[in-house]
C-alpha atoms as a PDB file:
ATOM      1  CA  MET A   1       3.186  -7.913  -7.141  1.00  0.00           C
ATOM      2  CA  LEU A   2       3.013  -4.188  -8.059  1.00  0.00           C
ATOM      3  CA  SER A   3       2.478  -2.572 -11.282  1.00  0.00           C
ATOM      4  CA  ALA A   4       3.045   1.392 -11.898  1.00  0.00           C
ATOM      5  CA  VAL A   5       1.157   2.578 -15.021  1.00  0.00           C
ATOM      6  CA  GLY A   6       3.761   4.039 -17.445  1.00  0.00           C
ATOM      7  CA  LEU A   7       6.597   2.792 -15.633  1.00  0.00           C
ATOM      8  CA  TYR A   8       6.076  -0.785 -14.560  1.00  0.00           C
ATOM      9  CA  ASN A   9       3.025  -1.832 -16.838  1.00  0.00           C
ATOM     10  CA  VAL A  10       3.952  -5.495 -16.384  1.00  0.00           C
ATOM     11  CA  PRO A  11       3.593  -6.290 -12.500  1.00  0.00           C
ATOM     12  CA  VAL A  12       7.075  -6.899 -10.878  1.00  0.00           C
ATOM     13  CA  GLN A  13       7.311  -9.038  -7.709  1.00  0.00           C
ATOM     14  CA  ILE A  14       8.142  -7.123  -4.588  1.00  0.00           C
ATOM     15  CA  GLN A  15      10.986  -9.006  -2.346  1.00  0.00           C
ATOM     16  CA  GLY A  16      12.997  -8.495   0.618  1.00  0.00           C
ATOM     17  CA  TYR A  17       9.934  -7.880   3.131  1.00  0.00           C
ATOM     18  CA  ALA A  18      11.145  -6.971   6.828  1.00  0.00           C
ATOM     19  CA  ALA A  19      10.831 -10.067   9.028  1.00  0.00           C
ATOM     20  CA  ASP A  20       8.517  -8.658  11.690  1.00  0.00           C
ATOM     21  CA  ASP A  21       6.799  -6.101   9.599  1.00  0.00           C
ATOM     22  CA  ALA A  22       6.165  -7.414   5.913  1.00  0.00           C
ATOM     23  CA  PHE A  23       2.945  -5.633   5.105  1.00  0.00           C
ATOM     24  CA  ALA A  24      -0.156  -4.273   6.919  1.00  0.00           C
ATOM     25  CA  SER A  25      -3.628  -2.897   5.737  1.00  0.00           C
ATOM     26  CA  GLU A  26      -4.640  -0.529   8.350  1.00  0.00           C
ATOM     27  CA  GLU A  27      -8.166   0.103   9.891  1.00  0.00           C
ATOM     28  CA  VAL A  28     -10.464   2.302   7.729  1.00  0.00           C
ATOM     29  CA  GLU A  29     -13.709   3.927   8.929  1.00  0.00           C
ATOM     30  CA  PHE A  30     -16.727   2.373   6.727  1.00  0.00           C
ATOM     31  CA  GLY A  31     -19.169   4.609   8.092  1.00  0.00           C
ATOM     32  CA  GLU A  32     -20.358   7.436  10.307  1.00  0.00           C
ATOM     33  CA  SER A  33     -23.195   7.171  13.072  1.00  0.00           C
ATOM     34  CA  VAL A  34     -25.122   9.718  15.141  1.00  0.00           C
ATOM     35  CA  ILE A  35     -27.826   9.669  17.596  1.00  0.00           C
ATOM     36  CA  GLY A  36     -30.394  12.262  18.105  1.00  0.00           C
ATOM     37  CA  VAL A  37     -31.868  13.808  21.309  1.00  0.00           C
ATOM     38  CA  ASP A  38     -34.743  11.438  20.920  1.00  0.00           C
ATOM     39  CA  ARG A  39     -32.230   8.431  21.082  1.00  0.00           C
ATOM     40  CA  LYS A  40     -32.714   7.434  17.335  1.00  0.00           C
ATOM     41  CA  ALA A  41     -29.619   6.332  15.784  1.00  0.00           C
ATOM     42  CA  SER A  42     -28.688   6.973  12.148  1.00  0.00           C
ATOM     43  CA  PHE A  43     -25.922   5.149  10.184  1.00  0.00           C
ATOM     44  CA  GLY A  44     -24.442   6.285   6.859  1.00  0.00           C
ATOM     45  CA  PHE A  45     -21.769   4.691   4.710  1.00  0.00           C
ATOM     46  CA  THR A  46     -18.693   6.764   3.691  1.00  0.00           C
ATOM     47  CA  PRO A  47     -16.393   6.180   0.858  1.00  0.00           C
ATOM     48  CA  TYR A  48     -12.773   5.641   1.998  1.00  0.00           C
ATOM     49  CA  LEU A  49      -9.165   4.911   0.704  1.00  0.00           C
ATOM     50  CA  THR A  50      -7.614   1.477   1.385  1.00  0.00           C
ATOM     51  CA  PRO A  51      -4.187   1.725   2.898  1.00  0.00           C
ATOM     52  CA  LEU A  52      -1.498  -0.566   2.397  1.00  0.00           C
ATOM     53  CA  ASP A  53       1.814  -0.332   4.132  1.00  0.00           C
ATOM     54  CA  PHE A  54       4.830  -2.493   3.366  1.00  0.00           C
ATOM     55  CA  THR A  55       8.496  -2.659   4.977  1.00  0.00           C
ATOM     56  CA  LEU A  56      11.477  -3.925   3.070  1.00  0.00           C
ATOM     57  CA  GLN A  57      14.687  -4.813   4.347  1.00  0.00           C
ATOM     58  CA  ALA A  58      17.646  -2.433   3.728  1.00  0.00           C
ATOM     59  CA  ASP A  59      19.079  -4.870   1.265  1.00  0.00           C
ATOM     60  CA  SER A  60      15.859  -5.351  -0.865  1.00  0.00           C
ATOM     61  CA  ALA A  61      16.482  -5.306  -4.452  1.00  0.00           C
ATOM     62  CA  SER A  62      12.669  -3.960  -4.394  1.00  0.00           C
ATOM     63  CA  ILE A  63      13.980  -0.707  -3.056  1.00  0.00           C
ATOM     64  CA  LEU A  64      15.151   0.270  -6.532  1.00  0.00           C
ATOM     65  CA  ILE A  65      11.500  -0.039  -7.761  1.00  0.00           C
ATOM     66  CA  MET A  66      10.237   2.228  -5.176  1.00  0.00           C
ATOM     67  CA  GLU A  67      13.001   4.785  -5.666  1.00  0.00           C
ATOM     68  CA  ALA A  68      12.321   4.469  -9.502  1.00  0.00           C
ATOM     69  CA  ILE A  69       8.549   5.511  -8.675  1.00  0.00           C
ATOM     70  CA  ILE A  70       9.460   8.295  -6.488  1.00  0.00           C
ATOM     71  CA  ALA A  71      12.060   9.671  -9.045  1.00  0.00           C
ATOM     72  CA  GLU A  72       9.561   9.392 -11.976  1.00  0.00           C
ATOM     73  CA  GLU A  73       6.944  11.437  -9.864  1.00  0.00           C
ATOM     74  CA  LYS A  74       9.500  13.925  -8.790  1.00  0.00           C
ATOM     75  CA  ALA A  75      10.669  14.489 -12.525  1.00  0.00           C
ATOM     76  CA  SER A  76       7.128  14.540 -14.077  1.00  0.00           C
ATOM     77  CA  GLY A  77       5.406  16.486 -11.260  1.00  0.00           C
ATOM     78  CA  GLU A  78       2.486  13.496 -11.806  1.00  0.00           C
ATOM     79  CA  LYS A  79       1.378  10.730  -9.379  1.00  0.00           C
ATOM     80  CA  ILE A  80       1.893   7.413 -10.819  1.00  0.00           C
ATOM     81  CA  ILE A  81      -1.212   4.956 -10.670  1.00  0.00           C
ATOM     82  CA  LEU A  82      -0.178   1.815  -8.853  1.00  0.00           C
ATOM     83  CA  ASN A  83      -1.887  -1.560  -8.690  1.00  0.00           C
ATOM     84  CA  ALA A  84      -0.944  -4.401  -6.319  1.00  0.00           C
ATOM     85  CA  THR A  85      -1.785  -8.035  -5.747  1.00  0.00           C
ATOM     86  CA  ILE A  86      -0.910 -10.193  -2.556  1.00  0.00           C
ATOM     87  CA  ILE A  87      -1.608 -13.844  -2.723  1.00  0.00           C
ATOM     88  CA  LEU A  88      -1.614 -15.793   0.682  1.00  0.00           C
ATOM     89  CA  PRO A  89      -1.588 -19.393  -0.224  1.00  0.00           C
ATOM     90  CA  GLY A  90      -1.817 -20.326   3.424  1.00  0.00           C
ATOM     91  CA  ILE A  91      -5.216 -19.074   3.718  1.00  0.00           C
ATOM     92  CA  GLY A  92      -6.230 -19.671   0.072  1.00  0.00           C
ATOM     93  CA  ARG A  93      -6.898 -15.933  -0.658  1.00  0.00           C
ATOM     94  CA  ILE A  94      -5.905 -13.449  -3.276  1.00  0.00           C
ATOM     95  CA  TYR A  95      -6.416  -9.578  -2.911  1.00  0.00           C
ATOM     96  CA  ALA A  96      -6.209  -7.107  -5.525  1.00  0.00           C
ATOM     97  CA  PHE A  97      -5.559  -3.277  -4.571  1.00  0.00           C
ATOM     98  CA  SER A  98      -6.631  -1.083  -7.765  1.00  0.00           C
ATOM     99  CA  LYS A  99      -5.971   2.549  -8.461  1.00  0.00           C
ATOM    100  CA  GLY A 100      -3.704   3.553  -5.854  1.00  0.00           C
ATOM    101  CA  GLY A 101      -0.560   5.794  -5.128  1.00  0.00           C
ATOM    102  CA  LEU A 102       2.633   5.786  -3.157  1.00  0.00           C
ATOM    103  CA  MET A 103       1.973   8.603  -0.361  1.00  0.00           C
ATOM    104  CA  LYS A 104       4.742   8.200   2.181  1.00  0.00           C
ATOM    105  CA  GLY A 105       8.267   6.633   2.318  1.00  0.00           C
ATOM    106  CA  PRO A 106      11.696   7.315   2.892  1.00  0.00           C
ATOM    107  CA  VAL A 107      13.750   9.254   0.265  1.00  0.00           C
ATOM    108  CA  GLY A 108      17.111   7.812   1.391  1.00  0.00           C
ATOM    109  CA  PRO A 109      18.386   5.189   3.766  1.00  0.00           C
ATOM    110  CA  SER A 110      18.490   5.307   7.493  1.00  0.00           C
ATOM    111  CA  ALA A 111      21.241   3.663   9.653  1.00  0.00           C
ATOM    112  CA  GLY A 112      22.212   2.350  13.184  1.00  0.00           C
ATOM    113  CA  LYS A 113      24.359  -0.405  13.816  1.00  0.00           C
ATOM    114  CA  VAL A 114      23.075  -1.598  10.772  1.00  0.00           C
ATOM    115  CA  LEU A 115      21.006  -0.213   7.834  1.00  0.00           C
ATOM    116  CA  LYS A 116      17.263  -0.146   8.890  1.00  0.00           C
ATOM    117  CA  PRO A 117      14.252  -1.214   6.751  1.00  0.00           C
ATOM    118  CA  ARG A 118      12.393   1.079   4.910  1.00  0.00           C
ATOM    119  CA  LYS A 119       8.584   1.714   5.174  1.00  0.00           C
ATOM    120  CA  TYR A 120       6.177   2.561   2.265  1.00  0.00           C
ATOM    121  CA  ALA A 121       2.601   3.793   2.623  1.00  0.00           C
ATOM    122  CA  LEU A 122       0.298   3.391  -0.324  1.00  0.00           C
ATOM    123  CA  GLU A 123      -3.447   4.122  -0.720  1.00  0.00           C
ATOM    124  CA  PHE A 124      -5.938   2.517  -3.203  1.00  0.00           C
ATOM    125  CA  GLU A 125      -9.384   3.372  -4.286  1.00  0.00           C
ATOM    126  CA  ASP A 126     -10.527  -0.404  -4.142  1.00  0.00           C
ATOM    127  CA  LEU A 127      -9.451  -3.800  -2.819  1.00  0.00           C
ATOM    128  CA  SER A 128     -11.117  -6.904  -3.712  1.00  0.00           C
ATOM    129  CA  SER A 129     -10.612 -10.525  -2.681  1.00  0.00           C
ATOM    130  CA  ALA A 130     -11.207 -14.249  -3.930  1.00  0.00           C
ATOM    131  CA  PRO A 131     -10.135 -17.670  -3.206  1.00  0.00           C
ATOM    132  CA  VAL A 132      -6.967 -18.721  -4.872  1.00  0.00           C
END
């Protein structure tokens, strides 16, 4: 599910994921470490953004949602704040991504023998998880 503040205030279901690359949350750096000449290590927490990428089949109806977000941002010159929820019944978990933005994605289709899937990259301020 995806909500876009001011555009899709009620979350909409994203559908038509690519078969081999539906969605992914990439690695982030949680901290920084250094070691001094006296061989004493120091560790520190560093704030980070949480990435979420998803790939839609070329015929996914949800591409219209992504195109609407891109068009609204272009017209207004402002970023739309996104929130996303992923429910994984198979492992009994729900993931809630909050205060994010659409950061990368195609502005049009790509084709070869057939139309190619479209990959979108989002970044969020926070991610929390809980049992379903």
